């Protein structure tokens, strides 16, 4: 995403939130659109729940979703 380098300067605290994802176990963290929403994709549902719970415990607004298989 071209906004990855700009977004942390515009949205204060974005980099700290990205680090919370990593500390919770996210293998990668991406910016959604122009930000400030961050996301990761986890193939194992149990691991996704663990990351979701860890982020929610840090008072982050989190959503756990499933991808649609075609």
C-alpha atoms as a PDB file:
ATOM      1  CA  UNK A   1       0.000   0.000   0.000  1.00  0.00           C
ATOM      2  CA  UNK A   2       1.450   3.349  -1.036  1.00  0.00           C
ATOM      3  CA  UNK A   3       0.077   4.975   2.117  1.00  0.00           C
ATOM      4  CA  UNK A   4       2.126   2.736   4.468  1.00  0.00           C
ATOM      5  CA  UNK A   5       4.884   5.354   4.646  1.00  0.00           C
ATOM      6  CA  UNK A   6       2.573   8.357   5.010  1.00  0.00           C
ATOM      7  CA  UNK A   7      -0.113   7.013   7.354  1.00  0.00           C
ATOM      8  CA  UNK A   8       2.048   6.807  10.529  1.00  0.00           C
ATOM      9  CA  UNK A   9       2.781  10.542  10.200  1.00  0.00           C
ATOM     10  CA  UNK A  10      -0.888  11.404   9.716  1.00  0.00           C
ATOM     11  CA  UNK A  11      -2.440   9.014  12.254  1.00  0.00           C
ATOM     12  CA  UNK A  12      -0.628   9.418  15.547  1.00  0.00           C
ATOM     13  CA  UNK A  13      -0.226   6.100  17.356  1.00  0.00           C
ATOM     14  CA  UNK A  14      -0.628   3.972  14.237  1.00  0.00           C
ATOM     15  CA  UNK A  15       2.863   2.491  14.523  1.00  0.00           C
ATOM     16  CA  UNK A  16       2.239   1.593  18.183  1.00  0.00           C
ATOM     17  CA  UNK A  17      -0.948  -0.196  17.166  1.00  0.00           C
ATOM     18  CA  UNK A  18       0.949  -2.030  14.430  1.00  0.00           C
ATOM     19  CA  UNK A  19       3.444  -3.216  17.065  1.00  0.00           C
ATOM     20  CA  UNK A  20       0.584  -4.480  19.247  1.00  0.00           C
ATOM     21  CA  UNK A  21      -0.511  -6.682  16.336  1.00  0.00           C
ATOM     22  CA  UNK A  22       2.994  -8.087  15.994  1.00  0.00           C
ATOM     23  CA  UNK A  23       3.348  -8.665  19.740  1.00  0.00           C
ATOM     24  CA  UNK A  24      -0.021 -10.473  19.697  1.00  0.00           C
ATOM     25  CA  UNK A  25       1.344 -12.885  17.090  1.00  0.00           C
ATOM     26  CA  UNK A  26       0.305 -11.409  13.740  1.00  0.00           C
ATOM     27  CA  UNK A  27       2.735 -12.600  11.043  1.00  0.00           C
ATOM     28  CA  UNK A  28       2.227  -9.359   9.101  1.00  0.00           C
ATOM     29  CA  UNK A  29       0.154  -6.203   9.468  1.00  0.00           C
ATOM     30  CA  UNK A  30      -1.241  -4.208   6.561  1.00  0.00           C
ATOM     31  CA  UNK A  31      -2.898  -0.851   6.242  1.00  0.00           C
ATOM     32  CA  UNK A  32      -6.414  -0.972   4.834  1.00  0.00           C
ATOM     33  CA  UNK A  33      -6.876   1.718   2.197  1.00  0.00           C
ATOM     34  CA  UNK A  34      -5.596   5.103   3.323  1.00  0.00           C
ATOM     35  CA  UNK A  35      -5.875   4.129   6.999  1.00  0.00           C
ATOM     36  CA  UNK A  36      -6.010   4.119   9.889  1.00  0.00           C
ATOM     37  CA  UNK A  37      -7.440   0.584   9.845  1.00  0.00           C
ATOM     38  CA  UNK A  38      -4.915  -2.246  10.181  1.00  0.00           C
ATOM     39  CA  UNK A  39      -5.473  -5.922   9.403  1.00  0.00           C
ATOM     40  CA  UNK A  40      -3.798  -9.298   9.277  1.00  0.00           C
ATOM     41  CA  UNK A  41      -4.842 -12.643   7.835  1.00  0.00           C
ATOM     42  CA  UNK A  42      -4.469 -15.761   9.955  1.00  0.00           C
ATOM     43  CA  UNK A  43      -5.112 -19.170   8.372  1.00  0.00           C
ATOM     44  CA  UNK A  44      -5.872 -20.986  11.638  1.00  0.00           C
ATOM     45  CA  UNK A  45      -9.090 -19.980  13.400  1.00  0.00           C
ATOM     46  CA  UNK A  46      -7.783 -20.729  16.911  1.00  0.00           C
ATOM     47  CA  UNK A  47      -4.746 -18.507  16.345  1.00  0.00           C
ATOM     48  CA  UNK A  48      -6.976 -15.754  14.951  1.00  0.00           C
ATOM     49  CA  UNK A  49      -9.079 -15.902  18.130  1.00  0.00           C
ATOM     50  CA  UNK A  50      -5.936 -15.604  20.266  1.00  0.00           C
ATOM     51  CA  UNK A  51      -4.745 -12.526  18.394  1.00  0.00           C
ATOM     52  CA  UNK A  52      -8.231 -11.016  18.482  1.00  0.00           C
ATOM     53  CA  UNK A  53      -8.461 -11.552  22.250  1.00  0.00           C
ATOM     54  CA  UNK A  54      -4.981 -10.126  22.837  1.00  0.00           C
ATOM     55  CA  UNK A  55      -5.782  -6.966  20.864  1.00  0.00           C
ATOM     56  CA  UNK A  56      -9.183  -6.556  22.522  1.00  0.00           C
ATOM     57  CA  UNK A  57      -7.508  -6.796  25.930  1.00  0.00           C
ATOM     58  CA  UNK A  58      -5.453  -3.738  24.912  1.00  0.00           C
ATOM     59  CA  UNK A  59      -8.758  -1.887  24.376  1.00  0.00           C
ATOM     60  CA  UNK A  60      -8.402  -1.910  20.604  1.00  0.00           C
ATOM     61  CA  UNK A  61     -11.556  -2.006  18.514  1.00  0.00           C
ATOM     62  CA  UNK A  62     -11.240  -5.400  16.843  1.00  0.00           C
ATOM     63  CA  UNK A  63     -13.279  -7.467  14.421  1.00  0.00           C
ATOM     64  CA  UNK A  64     -12.806 -11.145  13.744  1.00  0.00           C
ATOM     65  CA  UNK A  65     -13.926 -12.136  10.234  1.00  0.00           C
ATOM     66  CA  UNK A  66     -13.799 -15.125   7.956  1.00  0.00           C
ATOM     67  CA  UNK A  67     -12.833 -14.919   4.326  1.00  0.00           C
ATOM     68  CA  UNK A  68     -15.250 -16.251   1.786  1.00  0.00           C
ATOM     69  CA  UNK A  69     -14.090 -19.281  -0.098  1.00  0.00           C
ATOM     70  CA  UNK A  70     -15.104 -19.359  -3.709  1.00  0.00           C
END
